[in-house]
C-alpha atoms as a PDB file:
ATOM      1  CA  MET A   1      31.131  78.350  88.523  1.00  0.00           C
ATOM      2  CA  PRO A   2      33.288  76.670  90.834  1.00  0.00           C
ATOM      3  CA  ILE A   3      32.403  76.712  94.352  1.00  0.00           C
ATOM      4  CA  THR A   4      35.802  77.878  95.603  1.00  0.00           C
ATOM      5  CA  LYS A   5      35.559  81.035  93.571  1.00  0.00           C
ATOM      6  CA  ARG A   6      32.011  81.820  94.775  1.00  0.00           C
ATOM      7  CA  SER A   7      33.075  81.257  98.455  1.00  0.00           C
ATOM      8  CA  ALA A   8      36.156  83.334  98.243  1.00  0.00           C
ATOM      9  CA  ALA A   9      33.802  86.294  96.479  1.00  0.00           C
ATOM     10  CA  ARG A  10      31.161  85.833  99.131  1.00  0.00           C
ATOM     11  CA  ALA A  11      33.424  85.956 101.832  1.00  0.00           C
ATOM     12  CA  ARG A  12      35.479  89.138 100.380  1.00  0.00           C
ATOM     13  CA  VAL A  13      32.139  90.982 100.169  1.00  0.00           C
ATOM     14  CA  ARG A  14      31.303  90.212 103.863  1.00  0.00           C
ATOM     15  CA  GLY A  15      34.744  91.519 104.818  1.00  0.00           C
ATOM     16  CA  ASP A  16      35.652  87.973 106.424  1.00  0.00           C
ATOM     17  CA  ARG A  17      39.721  88.000 105.456  1.00  0.00           C
ATOM     18  CA  ALA A  18      40.386  84.401 106.857  1.00  0.00           C
ATOM     19  CA  GLU A  19      37.478  82.790 105.079  1.00  0.00           C
ATOM     20  CA  PHE A  20      38.519  84.758 101.934  1.00  0.00           C
ATOM     21  CA  PHE A  21      42.067  83.691 102.234  1.00  0.00           C
ATOM     22  CA  HIS A  22      41.009  80.061 102.845  1.00  0.00           C
ATOM     23  CA  TRP A  23      38.994  79.856  99.617  1.00  0.00           C
ATOM     24  CA  ALA A  24      41.438  81.613  97.572  1.00  0.00           C
ATOM     25  CA  LYS A  25      44.211  79.240  98.916  1.00  0.00           C
ATOM     26  CA  VAL A  26      41.689  76.383  97.982  1.00  0.00           C
ATOM     27  CA  ALA A  27      41.082  77.642  94.435  1.00  0.00           C
ATOM     28  CA  ALA A  28      44.730  77.957  93.846  1.00  0.00           C
ATOM     29  CA  GLU A  29      45.246  74.438  94.876  1.00  0.00           C
ATOM     30  CA  VAL A  30      42.778  72.850  92.858  1.00  0.00           C
ATOM     31  CA  ALA A  31      44.019  75.010  90.051  1.00  0.00           C
ATOM     32  CA  ARG A  32      47.464  73.539  90.600  1.00  0.00           C
ATOM     33  CA  LEU A  33      46.232  69.898  90.946  1.00  0.00           C
ATOM     34  CA  THR A  34      43.764  69.912  88.148  1.00  0.00           C
ATOM     35  CA  PRO A  35      45.159  70.520  84.486  1.00  0.00           C
ATOM     36  CA  ARG A  36      41.820  71.671  83.470  1.00  0.00           C
ATOM     37  CA  ALA A  37      40.906  74.146  86.117  1.00  0.00           C
ATOM     38  CA  GLU A  38      41.410  77.616  85.361  1.00  0.00           C
ATOM     39  CA  MET A  39      42.013  80.759  87.583  1.00  0.00           C
ATOM     40  CA  ASP A  40      40.382  83.684  85.344  1.00  0.00           C
ATOM     41  CA  VAL A  41      40.620  86.879  87.083  1.00  0.00           C
ATOM     42  CA  ASP A  42      37.499  88.373  84.826  1.00  0.00           C
ATOM     43  CA  VAL A  43      35.208  85.544  86.239  1.00  0.00           C
ATOM     44  CA  VAL A  44      36.535  86.344  89.796  1.00  0.00           C
ATOM     45  CA  ARG A  45      35.668  90.001  89.455  1.00  0.00           C
ATOM     46  CA  ALA A  46      32.321  88.966  87.632  1.00  0.00           C
ATOM     47  CA  ILE A  47      31.332  86.875  90.797  1.00  0.00           C
ATOM     48  CA  ALA A  48      32.457  89.522  93.032  1.00  0.00           C
ATOM     49  CA  ALA A  49      30.541  92.106  91.139  1.00  0.00           C
ATOM     50  CA  GLY A  50      27.407  89.838  91.365  1.00  0.00           C
ATOM     51  CA  GLU A  51      27.872  89.154  95.257  1.00  0.00           C
ATOM     52  CA  GLU A  52      28.285  92.763  95.986  1.00  0.00           C
ATOM     53  CA  SER A  53      25.196  93.889  94.066  1.00  0.00           C
ATOM     54  CA  ARG A  54      23.235  91.057  96.018  1.00  0.00           C
ATOM     55  CA  GLN A  55      24.797  92.600  99.163  1.00  0.00           C
ATOM     56  CA  GLY A  56      23.453  96.120  98.427  1.00  0.00           C
END
């Protein structure tokens, strides 16, 4: 999975808003510039769920 999505999910789970927004913007910019990059909300949710289960 792309590092940007995983980094955003980890920051979200930790409650680090600034880092989350940073990685979300990076992921959006990569998706904008790279025609093959996709922003799949289901993938992001799955990553976030995995990070949440690792934290708990």
